[in-house]
Amino acid sequence: MDETREIPVEIRARVEANALFSAVQAGDYAEAAVAQERLRELGWHLSREPAPKGRGARRPAKTSV
C-alpha cells in the first residue's frame, strides 16, 4: 500500500486526551501540560463543568463518631 492516509483529527485528539488523563492520574503534570498543548494545537480545548452551588450541591457525607 503506497497510499498514505492522514489520521483524522478526532482520533489524534482522543490519543492526546488519553495521554493527558493518564499523565494527570500518574501525577506527571509536566507531561500533562505537553499533551494539553498538543490538544490546543489541534484546536481542542478540554474543560470541566464547575461544581454545582446552592441547595442541590453534593456535600461529603458526615460521619458520626
C-alpha atoms as a PDB file:
ATOM      1  CA  MET A   1       0.000   0.000   0.000  1.00  0.00           C
ATOM      2  CA  ASP A   2       1.680   3.156  -1.177  1.00  0.00           C
ATOM      3  CA  GLU A   3      -1.308   5.289  -0.271  1.00  0.00           C
ATOM      4  CA  THR A   4      -0.687   7.468   2.766  1.00  0.00           C
ATOM      5  CA  ARG A   5      -3.736   8.493   4.738  1.00  0.00           C
ATOM      6  CA  GLU A   6      -3.772  11.200   7.344  1.00  0.00           C
ATOM      7  CA  ILE A   7      -5.140  10.228  10.732  1.00  0.00           C
ATOM      8  CA  PRO A   8      -8.407  12.111  11.408  1.00  0.00           C
ATOM      9  CA  VAL A   9      -8.111  14.964  13.886  1.00  0.00           C
ATOM     10  CA  GLU A  10     -10.728  13.387  16.148  1.00  0.00           C
ATOM     11  CA  ILE A  11      -8.582  10.272  16.565  1.00  0.00           C
ATOM     12  CA  ARG A  12      -5.436  12.317  17.188  1.00  0.00           C
ATOM     13  CA  ALA A  13      -7.324  14.404  19.762  1.00  0.00           C
ATOM     14  CA  ARG A  14      -8.562  11.246  21.513  1.00  0.00           C
ATOM     15  CA  VAL A  15      -4.991   9.928  21.738  1.00  0.00           C
ATOM     16  CA  GLU A  16      -3.770  13.232  23.183  1.00  0.00           C
ATOM     17  CA  ALA A  17      -6.687  13.425  25.632  1.00  0.00           C
ATOM     18  CA  ASN A  18      -5.901   9.902  26.835  1.00  0.00           C
ATOM     19  CA  ALA A  19      -2.254  10.926  27.264  1.00  0.00           C
ATOM     20  CA  LEU A  20      -3.360  13.993  29.235  1.00  0.00           C
ATOM     21  CA  PHE A  21      -5.626  11.998  31.558  1.00  0.00           C
ATOM     22  CA  SER A  22      -3.011   9.287  32.082  1.00  0.00           C
ATOM     23  CA  ALA A  23      -0.351  11.868  32.926  1.00  0.00           C
ATOM     24  CA  VAL A  24      -2.616  13.645  35.412  1.00  0.00           C
ATOM     25  CA  GLN A  25      -3.575  10.355  37.036  1.00  0.00           C
ATOM     26  CA  ALA A  26       0.126   9.471  37.369  1.00  0.00           C
ATOM     27  CA  GLY A  27       0.900  12.908  38.807  1.00  0.00           C
ATOM     28  CA  ASP A  28       3.154  13.873  35.869  1.00  0.00           C
ATOM     29  CA  TYR A  29       1.926  17.418  35.379  1.00  0.00           C
ATOM     30  CA  ALA A  30       4.761  18.373  33.034  1.00  0.00           C
ATOM     31  CA  GLU A  31       3.732  15.623  30.612  1.00  0.00           C
ATOM     32  CA  ALA A  32       0.079  16.596  31.065  1.00  0.00           C
ATOM     33  CA  ALA A  33       0.943  20.149  30.035  1.00  0.00           C
ATOM     34  CA  VAL A  34       2.689  18.859  26.917  1.00  0.00           C
ATOM     35  CA  ALA A  35      -0.370  16.784  25.977  1.00  0.00           C
ATOM     36  CA  GLN A  36      -2.643  19.748  26.658  1.00  0.00           C
ATOM     37  CA  GLU A  37      -0.532  21.919  24.343  1.00  0.00           C
ATOM     38  CA  ARG A  38      -0.740  19.289  21.597  1.00  0.00           C
ATOM     39  CA  LEU A  39      -4.536  19.289  22.004  1.00  0.00           C
ATOM     40  CA  ARG A  40      -4.545  23.079  21.766  1.00  0.00           C
ATOM     41  CA  GLU A  41      -2.543  22.861  18.523  1.00  0.00           C
ATOM     42  CA  LEU A  42      -5.227  20.533  17.155  1.00  0.00           C
ATOM     43  CA  GLY A  43      -7.856  23.125  18.036  1.00  0.00           C
ATOM     44  CA  TRP A  44      -9.301  21.276  21.031  1.00  0.00           C
ATOM     45  CA  HIS A  45      -9.983  22.661  24.478  1.00  0.00           C
ATOM     46  CA  LEU A  46     -10.798  20.474  27.480  1.00  0.00           C
ATOM     47  CA  SER A  47     -12.617  21.778  30.494  1.00  0.00           C
ATOM     48  CA  ARG A  48     -14.955  20.514  33.136  1.00  0.00           C
ATOM     49  CA  GLU A  49     -18.188  21.936  34.384  1.00  0.00           C
ATOM     50  CA  PRO A  50     -17.869  23.706  37.717  1.00  0.00           C
ATOM     51  CA  ALA A  51     -19.352  22.009  40.747  1.00  0.00           C
ATOM     52  CA  PRO A  52     -22.965  22.937  41.385  1.00  0.00           C
ATOM     53  CA  LYS A  53     -23.558  25.520  44.087  1.00  0.00           C
ATOM     54  CA  GLY A  54     -26.513  26.064  46.334  1.00  0.00           C
ATOM     55  CA  ARG A  55     -29.056  23.720  47.832  1.00  0.00           C
ATOM     56  CA  GLY A  56     -28.601  20.989  45.234  1.00  0.00           C
ATOM     57  CA  ALA A  57     -24.834  20.771  45.688  1.00  0.00           C
ATOM     58  CA  ARG A  58     -23.449  17.438  46.834  1.00  0.00           C
ATOM     59  CA  ARG A  59     -21.633  17.533  50.131  1.00  0.00           C
ATOM     60  CA  PRO A  60     -19.378  14.919  51.668  1.00  0.00           C
ATOM     61  CA  ALA A  61     -21.239  12.514  53.921  1.00  0.00           C
ATOM     62  CA  LYS A  62     -20.946  13.292  57.610  1.00  0.00           C
ATOM     63  CA  THR A  63     -19.645  10.537  59.779  1.00  0.00           C
ATOM     64  CA  SER A  64     -20.674  10.165  63.360  1.00  0.00           C
ATOM     65  CA  VAL A  65     -18.009   9.491  65.939  1.00  0.00           C
END
